N, C-alpha and C. Protein backbone atom coordinates (compact mmCIF):
# COMPACT_ATOMS: atom_id res chain seq x y z
N MET A 1 55.26 -23.08 22.53
CA MET A 1 55.36 -23.78 21.28
C MET A 1 54.04 -24.50 20.99
N GLN A 2 53.59 -24.44 19.75
CA GLN A 2 52.34 -25.07 19.35
C GLN A 2 52.58 -26.56 19.06
N PRO A 3 51.69 -27.43 19.60
CA PRO A 3 51.84 -28.86 19.31
C PRO A 3 51.78 -29.12 17.80
N PHE A 4 52.50 -30.12 17.35
CA PHE A 4 52.62 -30.47 15.93
C PHE A 4 51.26 -30.65 15.26
N THR A 5 50.35 -31.38 15.90
CA THR A 5 49.07 -31.68 15.26
C THR A 5 48.21 -30.44 15.06
N LEU A 6 48.35 -29.42 15.91
CA LEU A 6 47.53 -28.23 15.75
C LEU A 6 47.91 -27.43 14.50
N LYS A 7 49.06 -27.66 13.96
CA LYS A 7 49.44 -26.99 12.72
C LYS A 7 48.55 -27.47 11.58
N TYR A 8 48.00 -28.66 11.69
CA TYR A 8 47.20 -29.25 10.62
C TYR A 8 45.73 -29.37 10.97
N ALA A 9 45.36 -29.19 12.22
CA ALA A 9 43.98 -29.36 12.65
C ALA A 9 43.12 -28.13 12.38
N PHE A 10 43.73 -26.96 12.30
CA PHE A 10 42.99 -25.72 12.11
C PHE A 10 43.40 -25.05 10.80
N PRO A 11 42.46 -24.46 10.08
CA PRO A 11 42.82 -23.75 8.87
C PRO A 11 43.67 -22.53 9.19
N LYS A 12 44.55 -22.18 8.29
CA LYS A 12 45.44 -21.04 8.51
C LYS A 12 44.70 -19.72 8.40
N GLY A 13 43.77 -19.61 7.49
CA GLY A 13 43.04 -18.36 7.31
C GLY A 13 41.56 -18.56 7.52
N ILE A 14 40.86 -17.47 7.53
CA ILE A 14 39.40 -17.55 7.67
C ILE A 14 38.81 -17.77 6.29
N SER A 15 38.02 -18.80 6.16
CA SER A 15 37.36 -19.05 4.89
C SER A 15 35.90 -18.64 5.01
N HIS A 16 35.39 -18.07 3.95
CA HIS A 16 33.99 -17.65 3.94
C HIS A 16 33.23 -18.58 3.01
N ALA A 17 32.28 -19.27 3.57
CA ALA A 17 31.47 -20.19 2.77
C ALA A 17 30.10 -19.58 2.55
N VAL A 18 29.58 -19.78 1.38
CA VAL A 18 28.22 -19.34 1.07
C VAL A 18 27.37 -20.58 0.93
N THR A 19 26.34 -20.65 1.74
CA THR A 19 25.45 -21.81 1.69
C THR A 19 24.21 -21.45 0.87
N PRO A 20 23.72 -22.39 0.08
CA PRO A 20 22.54 -22.12 -0.74
C PRO A 20 21.23 -22.29 0.03
N TYR A 21 21.29 -22.25 1.33
CA TYR A 21 20.09 -22.37 2.16
C TYR A 21 20.22 -21.43 3.34
N HIS A 22 19.10 -21.19 4.03
CA HIS A 22 19.11 -20.35 5.23
C HIS A 22 18.18 -20.97 6.27
N PHE A 23 18.36 -20.58 7.51
CA PHE A 23 17.54 -21.12 8.59
C PHE A 23 16.24 -20.34 8.68
N ASP A 24 15.14 -21.06 8.70
CA ASP A 24 13.81 -20.48 8.85
C ASP A 24 13.37 -20.72 10.29
N PRO A 25 13.38 -19.68 11.13
CA PRO A 25 13.05 -19.88 12.55
C PRO A 25 11.60 -20.32 12.77
N ALA A 26 10.69 -19.95 11.89
CA ALA A 26 9.29 -20.35 12.06
C ALA A 26 9.12 -21.85 11.84
N ARG A 27 9.85 -22.40 10.88
CA ARG A 27 9.75 -23.83 10.57
C ARG A 27 10.80 -24.65 11.29
N GLN A 28 11.80 -23.98 11.89
CA GLN A 28 12.87 -24.65 12.64
C GLN A 28 13.66 -25.61 11.76
N LEU A 29 13.94 -25.21 10.52
CA LEU A 29 14.78 -26.01 9.64
C LEU A 29 15.41 -25.12 8.57
N ASN A 30 16.39 -25.67 7.89
CA ASN A 30 17.05 -24.95 6.81
C ASN A 30 16.24 -25.09 5.53
N VAL A 31 16.06 -23.98 4.83
CA VAL A 31 15.27 -23.99 3.61
C VAL A 31 16.07 -23.42 2.45
N LEU A 32 15.70 -23.87 1.25
CA LEU A 32 16.29 -23.37 0.01
C LEU A 32 15.63 -22.04 -0.35
N PRO A 33 16.21 -21.29 -1.28
CA PRO A 33 15.59 -20.02 -1.68
C PRO A 33 14.14 -20.15 -2.16
N ASN A 34 13.77 -21.32 -2.71
CA ASN A 34 12.39 -21.51 -3.18
C ASN A 34 11.44 -21.96 -2.07
N GLY A 35 11.94 -22.08 -0.82
CA GLY A 35 11.09 -22.44 0.31
C GLY A 35 11.07 -23.91 0.67
N ARG A 36 11.61 -24.76 -0.21
CA ARG A 36 11.66 -26.20 0.10
C ARG A 36 12.67 -26.47 1.21
N PRO A 37 12.44 -27.49 2.04
CA PRO A 37 13.45 -27.86 3.05
C PRO A 37 14.76 -28.24 2.36
N ALA A 38 15.87 -27.79 2.91
CA ALA A 38 17.18 -28.05 2.31
C ALA A 38 17.47 -29.54 2.21
N VAL A 39 16.94 -30.32 3.12
CA VAL A 39 17.22 -31.76 3.10
C VAL A 39 16.48 -32.48 1.97
N SER A 40 15.59 -31.79 1.26
CA SER A 40 14.88 -32.42 0.16
C SER A 40 15.65 -32.35 -1.16
N ASP A 41 16.83 -31.73 -1.13
CA ASP A 41 17.64 -31.58 -2.34
C ASP A 41 18.82 -32.55 -2.31
N PRO A 42 18.73 -33.68 -3.03
CA PRO A 42 19.80 -34.68 -2.96
C PRO A 42 21.15 -34.17 -3.46
N ASP A 43 21.14 -33.27 -4.46
CA ASP A 43 22.41 -32.71 -4.95
C ASP A 43 23.09 -31.86 -3.88
N LEU A 44 22.31 -31.10 -3.15
CA LEU A 44 22.86 -30.30 -2.06
C LEU A 44 23.45 -31.19 -0.98
N LEU A 45 22.74 -32.24 -0.61
CA LEU A 45 23.23 -33.15 0.43
C LEU A 45 24.51 -33.86 -0.01
N LEU A 46 24.60 -34.21 -1.29
CA LEU A 46 25.83 -34.82 -1.79
C LEU A 46 26.99 -33.83 -1.74
N ALA A 47 26.71 -32.57 -2.00
CA ALA A 47 27.76 -31.56 -2.03
C ALA A 47 28.24 -31.17 -0.63
N VAL A 48 27.33 -31.00 0.31
CA VAL A 48 27.71 -30.50 1.64
C VAL A 48 27.70 -31.57 2.72
N GLY A 49 27.10 -32.71 2.47
CA GLY A 49 27.10 -33.80 3.44
C GLY A 49 26.01 -33.69 4.48
N THR A 50 25.69 -32.50 4.92
CA THR A 50 24.64 -32.30 5.91
C THR A 50 24.25 -30.84 5.92
N THR A 51 23.09 -30.53 6.43
CA THR A 51 22.67 -29.14 6.56
C THR A 51 22.53 -28.85 8.05
N THR A 52 23.58 -28.41 8.65
CA THR A 52 23.59 -28.16 10.09
C THR A 52 23.08 -26.77 10.39
N SER A 53 22.18 -26.66 11.33
CA SER A 53 21.73 -25.36 11.79
C SER A 53 22.10 -25.20 13.25
N THR A 54 21.91 -24.01 13.76
CA THR A 54 22.17 -23.77 15.18
C THR A 54 20.87 -23.43 15.89
N ALA A 55 19.85 -24.18 15.59
CA ALA A 55 18.53 -23.97 16.20
C ALA A 55 18.53 -24.50 17.62
N GLY A 56 19.07 -23.72 18.51
CA GLY A 56 19.10 -24.12 19.91
C GLY A 56 20.27 -25.01 20.27
N SER A 57 20.97 -25.52 19.30
CA SER A 57 22.09 -26.41 19.58
C SER A 57 23.02 -26.42 18.39
N ALA A 58 24.30 -26.45 18.64
CA ALA A 58 25.28 -26.50 17.55
C ALA A 58 25.30 -27.88 16.90
N THR A 59 24.60 -28.84 17.46
CA THR A 59 24.62 -30.19 16.91
C THR A 59 23.25 -30.63 16.42
N HIS A 60 22.43 -29.66 16.01
CA HIS A 60 21.09 -29.96 15.49
C HIS A 60 21.20 -30.21 14.00
N PHE A 61 20.79 -31.39 13.54
CA PHE A 61 20.85 -31.73 12.14
C PHE A 61 19.45 -31.82 11.57
N ASP A 62 19.24 -31.20 10.42
CA ASP A 62 17.93 -31.23 9.77
C ASP A 62 17.70 -32.47 8.95
N ASP A 63 18.76 -33.21 8.66
CA ASP A 63 18.54 -34.40 7.83
C ASP A 63 18.54 -35.60 8.72
């Protein structure tokens, strides 16, 4: 039997998110399509809260 809290802790289906930035391995940070660092876009930061990359660690934050 699954514990009660796990019914609400995990999403039921797989969600696919599209991020407006990508990781640039040469610069070791997330960049926008125009090449600017993702953390330089205040609207993006307000929308997503943070731009997390997996550059060597799942807890690496660019902002």
